[in-house]
């Protein structure tokens, strides 16, 4: 799966799970500041990403990486790294 396919699926997660307008989601969008997610939403985001991309996020090993995610591009990069 290439990064554009990942981006489309990530964008769909934000539209479906958080009712965010698709047009407002870019690769540069900041998840907390611009898209309005909070710490409780981040748990829902992790679950949705696990379902969408069919992998398990290991909070023990990936916790540092997850805590550094700020933008949609960061999510795309993370998903791409889990798929390789």
N, C-alpha and C. Protein backbone atom coordinates (compact mmCIF):
# COMPACT_ATOMS: atom_id res chain seq x y z
N UNK A 1 0.85 -1.17 0.00
CA UNK A 1 0.00 0.00 0.00
C UNK A 1 0.90 1.24 0.00
N UNK A 2 0.65 2.15 -0.94
CA UNK A 2 1.49 3.35 -1.00
C UNK A 2 0.95 4.43 -0.07
N UNK A 3 1.72 5.50 0.07
CA UNK A 3 1.37 6.54 1.05
C UNK A 3 0.07 7.26 0.70
N UNK A 4 -0.25 7.36 -0.58
CA UNK A 4 -1.52 8.00 -0.94
C UNK A 4 -2.72 7.14 -0.53
N UNK A 5 -2.58 5.84 -0.67
CA UNK A 5 -3.65 4.94 -0.21
C UNK A 5 -3.79 5.00 1.31
N UNK A 6 -2.66 5.04 1.99
CA UNK A 6 -2.69 5.17 3.45
C UNK A 6 -3.37 6.48 3.84
N UNK A 7 -3.00 7.56 3.16
CA UNK A 7 -3.60 8.87 3.45
C UNK A 7 -5.11 8.83 3.29
N UNK A 8 -5.58 8.22 2.22
CA UNK A 8 -7.03 8.15 2.00
C UNK A 8 -7.73 7.37 3.11
N UNK A 9 -7.12 6.29 3.55
CA UNK A 9 -7.71 5.48 4.62
C UNK A 9 -7.67 6.22 5.96
N UNK A 10 -6.57 6.92 6.23
CA UNK A 10 -6.46 7.71 7.46
C UNK A 10 -7.50 8.82 7.44
N UNK A 11 -7.62 9.48 6.30
CA UNK A 11 -8.61 10.54 6.17
C UNK A 11 -10.01 9.99 6.43
N UNK A 12 -10.30 8.83 5.91
CA UNK A 12 -11.61 8.20 6.12
C UNK A 12 -11.86 7.91 7.60
N UNK A 13 -10.82 7.50 8.32
CA UNK A 13 -10.95 7.26 9.77
C UNK A 13 -11.40 8.55 10.46
N UNK A 14 -10.80 9.67 10.11
CA UNK A 14 -11.15 10.94 10.74
C UNK A 14 -12.57 11.38 10.37
N UNK A 15 -12.97 11.10 9.15
CA UNK A 15 -14.33 11.46 8.71
C UNK A 15 -15.37 10.61 9.43
N UNK A 16 -15.15 9.31 9.46
CA UNK A 16 -16.14 8.39 10.02
C UNK A 16 -16.14 8.43 11.55
N UNK A 17 -14.98 8.35 12.16
CA UNK A 17 -14.89 8.25 13.62
C UNK A 17 -15.10 9.57 14.35
N UNK A 18 -14.65 10.67 13.73
CA UNK A 18 -14.66 11.95 14.44
C UNK A 18 -15.50 13.02 13.74
N UNK A 19 -16.17 12.63 12.65
CA UNK A 19 -17.05 13.52 11.90
C UNK A 19 -16.36 14.82 11.48
N UNK A 20 -15.14 14.69 11.02
CA UNK A 20 -14.37 15.84 10.54
C UNK A 20 -14.56 15.94 9.04
N UNK A 21 -14.78 17.15 8.56
CA UNK A 21 -14.97 17.40 7.14
C UNK A 21 -13.74 16.97 6.35
N UNK A 22 -13.96 16.12 5.37
CA UNK A 22 -12.86 15.57 4.57
C UNK A 22 -12.00 16.66 3.94
N UNK A 23 -12.62 17.74 3.51
CA UNK A 23 -11.90 18.82 2.85
C UNK A 23 -10.91 19.52 3.77
N UNK A 24 -11.12 19.41 5.08
CA UNK A 24 -10.23 20.10 6.02
C UNK A 24 -9.03 19.24 6.44
N UNK A 25 -8.96 18.02 5.93
CA UNK A 25 -7.88 17.11 6.31
C UNK A 25 -6.82 17.07 5.22
N UNK A 26 -5.64 17.55 5.58
CA UNK A 26 -4.49 17.47 4.68
C UNK A 26 -3.38 16.69 5.39
N UNK A 27 -2.35 16.38 4.66
CA UNK A 27 -1.23 15.67 5.28
C UNK A 27 -0.55 16.53 6.34
N UNK A 28 -0.67 17.84 6.22
CA UNK A 28 -0.04 18.75 7.17
C UNK A 28 -0.92 19.07 8.36
N UNK A 29 -2.18 18.64 8.34
CA UNK A 29 -3.12 18.94 9.44
C UNK A 29 -2.58 18.42 10.76
N UNK A 30 -2.66 19.27 11.78
CA UNK A 30 -2.26 18.88 13.13
C UNK A 30 -3.46 18.25 13.83
N UNK A 31 -3.25 17.06 14.34
CA UNK A 31 -4.34 16.25 14.87
C UNK A 31 -5.04 16.94 16.05
N UNK A 32 -4.29 17.45 16.99
CA UNK A 32 -4.89 18.07 18.17
C UNK A 32 -5.32 19.50 17.89
N UNK A 33 -4.41 20.30 17.39
CA UNK A 33 -4.64 21.73 17.25
C UNK A 33 -5.64 22.09 16.15
N UNK A 34 -5.54 21.43 15.00
CA UNK A 34 -6.39 21.80 13.87
C UNK A 34 -7.63 20.91 13.73
N UNK A 35 -7.49 19.64 14.03
CA UNK A 35 -8.61 18.73 13.84
C UNK A 35 -9.41 18.53 15.13
N UNK A 36 -8.90 19.03 16.24
CA UNK A 36 -9.67 19.09 17.47
C UNK A 36 -9.76 17.81 18.29
N UNK A 37 -8.91 16.84 18.03
CA UNK A 37 -8.94 15.64 18.85
C UNK A 37 -8.33 15.93 20.21
N UNK A 38 -8.81 15.21 21.23
CA UNK A 38 -8.23 15.36 22.56
C UNK A 38 -7.64 14.02 23.00
N UNK A 39 -7.18 13.95 24.23
CA UNK A 39 -6.50 12.74 24.68
C UNK A 39 -7.43 11.52 24.68
N UNK A 40 -8.71 11.71 24.96
CA UNK A 40 -9.65 10.59 24.90
C UNK A 40 -9.86 10.12 23.47
N UNK A 41 -9.90 11.07 22.54
CA UNK A 41 -10.04 10.72 21.12
C UNK A 41 -8.84 9.93 20.62
N UNK A 42 -7.67 10.18 21.19
CA UNK A 42 -6.47 9.48 20.72
C UNK A 42 -6.59 7.98 20.93
N UNK A 43 -7.27 7.56 21.99
CA UNK A 43 -7.50 6.13 22.23
C UNK A 43 -8.39 5.57 21.12
N UNK A 44 -9.46 6.30 20.79
CA UNK A 44 -10.35 5.88 19.71
C UNK A 44 -9.61 5.84 18.38
N UNK A 45 -8.71 6.79 18.18
CA UNK A 45 -7.92 6.83 16.95
C UNK A 45 -7.04 5.59 16.83
N UNK A 46 -6.39 5.22 17.91
CA UNK A 46 -5.54 4.02 17.89
C UNK A 46 -6.35 2.79 17.53
N UNK A 47 -7.50 2.64 18.16
CA UNK A 47 -8.35 1.48 17.88
C UNK A 47 -8.80 1.49 16.41
N UNK A 48 -9.19 2.64 15.91
CA UNK A 48 -9.64 2.74 14.52
C UNK A 48 -8.50 2.43 13.55
N UNK A 49 -7.30 2.89 13.85
CA UNK A 49 -6.15 2.60 12.98
C UNK A 49 -5.85 1.10 12.99
N UNK A 50 -5.93 0.49 14.17
CA UNK A 50 -5.69 -0.96 14.26
C UNK A 50 -6.69 -1.72 13.39
N UNK A 51 -7.95 -1.34 13.45
CA UNK A 51 -8.98 -2.01 12.65
C UNK A 51 -8.77 -1.75 11.16
N UNK A 52 -8.52 -0.51 10.81
CA UNK A 52 -8.41 -0.12 9.40
C UNK A 52 -7.22 -0.78 8.72
N UNK A 53 -6.09 -0.81 9.42
CA UNK A 53 -4.86 -1.30 8.79
C UNK A 53 -4.49 -2.72 9.24
N UNK A 54 -5.35 -3.32 10.06
CA UNK A 54 -5.19 -4.72 10.46
C UNK A 54 -3.81 -5.02 11.08
N UNK A 55 -3.43 -4.21 12.06
CA UNK A 55 -2.25 -4.50 12.85
C UNK A 55 -2.50 -4.05 14.28
N UNK A 56 -1.69 -4.54 15.18
CA UNK A 56 -1.82 -4.21 16.59
C UNK A 56 -0.74 -3.20 16.94
N UNK A 57 -1.14 -2.15 17.63
CA UNK A 57 -0.18 -1.16 18.09
C UNK A 57 0.27 -1.59 19.48
N UNK A 58 1.53 -1.87 19.58
CA UNK A 58 2.13 -2.31 20.84
C UNK A 58 2.54 -1.07 21.63
N UNK A 59 1.73 -0.73 22.62
CA UNK A 59 1.97 0.51 23.36
C UNK A 59 3.32 0.49 24.09
N UNK A 60 3.80 -0.69 24.46
CA UNK A 60 5.09 -0.79 25.15
C UNK A 60 6.24 -0.43 24.21
N UNK A 61 6.18 -0.96 22.98
CA UNK A 61 7.26 -0.70 22.02
C UNK A 61 7.05 0.56 21.21
N UNK A 62 5.79 0.88 20.91
CA UNK A 62 5.49 2.01 20.04
C UNK A 62 5.04 3.26 20.80
N UNK A 63 5.02 3.19 22.11
CA UNK A 63 4.51 4.29 22.92
C UNK A 63 5.19 5.61 22.66
N UNK A 64 6.51 5.60 22.53
CA UNK A 64 7.26 6.83 22.28
C UNK A 64 6.89 7.40 20.92
N UNK A 65 6.83 6.55 19.91
CA UNK A 65 6.47 7.01 18.57
C UNK A 65 5.05 7.57 18.56
N UNK A 66 4.13 6.87 19.18
CA UNK A 66 2.73 7.30 19.23
C UNK A 66 2.62 8.66 19.91
N UNK A 67 3.37 8.86 20.99
CA UNK A 67 3.28 10.12 21.72
C UNK A 67 3.87 11.29 20.93
N UNK A 68 4.66 11.01 19.91
CA UNK A 68 5.27 12.06 19.10
C UNK A 68 4.45 12.40 17.85
N UNK A 69 3.37 11.69 17.61
CA UNK A 69 2.55 11.97 16.44
C UNK A 69 1.82 13.29 16.63
N UNK A 70 1.99 14.17 15.66
CA UNK A 70 1.36 15.49 15.71
C UNK A 70 0.48 15.75 14.50
N UNK A 71 0.86 15.21 13.36
CA UNK A 71 0.17 15.53 12.11
C UNK A 71 -0.33 14.26 11.42
N UNK A 72 -1.15 14.48 10.42
CA UNK A 72 -1.63 13.37 9.59
C UNK A 72 -0.43 12.68 8.93
N UNK A 73 0.54 13.45 8.48
CA UNK A 73 1.74 12.87 7.86
C UNK A 73 2.46 11.96 8.84
N UNK A 74 2.51 12.33 10.11
CA UNK A 74 3.14 11.45 11.12
C UNK A 74 2.40 10.12 11.19
N UNK A 75 1.08 10.16 11.11
CA UNK A 75 0.29 8.92 11.14
C UNK A 75 0.59 8.09 9.90
N UNK A 76 0.63 8.74 8.74
CA UNK A 76 0.94 8.03 7.49
C UNK A 76 2.29 7.35 7.59
N UNK A 77 3.29 8.08 8.07
CA UNK A 77 4.64 7.52 8.21
C UNK A 77 4.65 6.33 9.17
N UNK A 78 3.92 6.46 10.26
CA UNK A 78 3.86 5.37 11.24
C UNK A 78 3.21 4.12 10.63
N UNK A 79 2.07 4.31 9.97
CA UNK A 79 1.37 3.18 9.35
C UNK A 79 2.27 2.52 8.30
N UNK A 80 2.94 3.33 7.49
CA UNK A 80 3.83 2.79 6.46
C UNK A 80 4.95 1.97 7.10
N UNK A 81 5.48 2.43 8.23
CA UNK A 81 6.56 1.69 8.90
C UNK A 81 6.05 0.36 9.47
N UNK A 82 4.79 0.31 9.90
CA UNK A 82 4.22 -0.92 10.44
C UNK A 82 3.94 -1.92 9.32
N UNK A 83 3.77 -1.45 8.11
CA UNK A 83 3.44 -2.34 7.00
C UNK A 83 4.67 -2.90 6.31
N UNK A 84 5.83 -2.33 6.61
CA UNK A 84 7.04 -2.85 5.94
C UNK A 84 7.74 -3.91 6.76
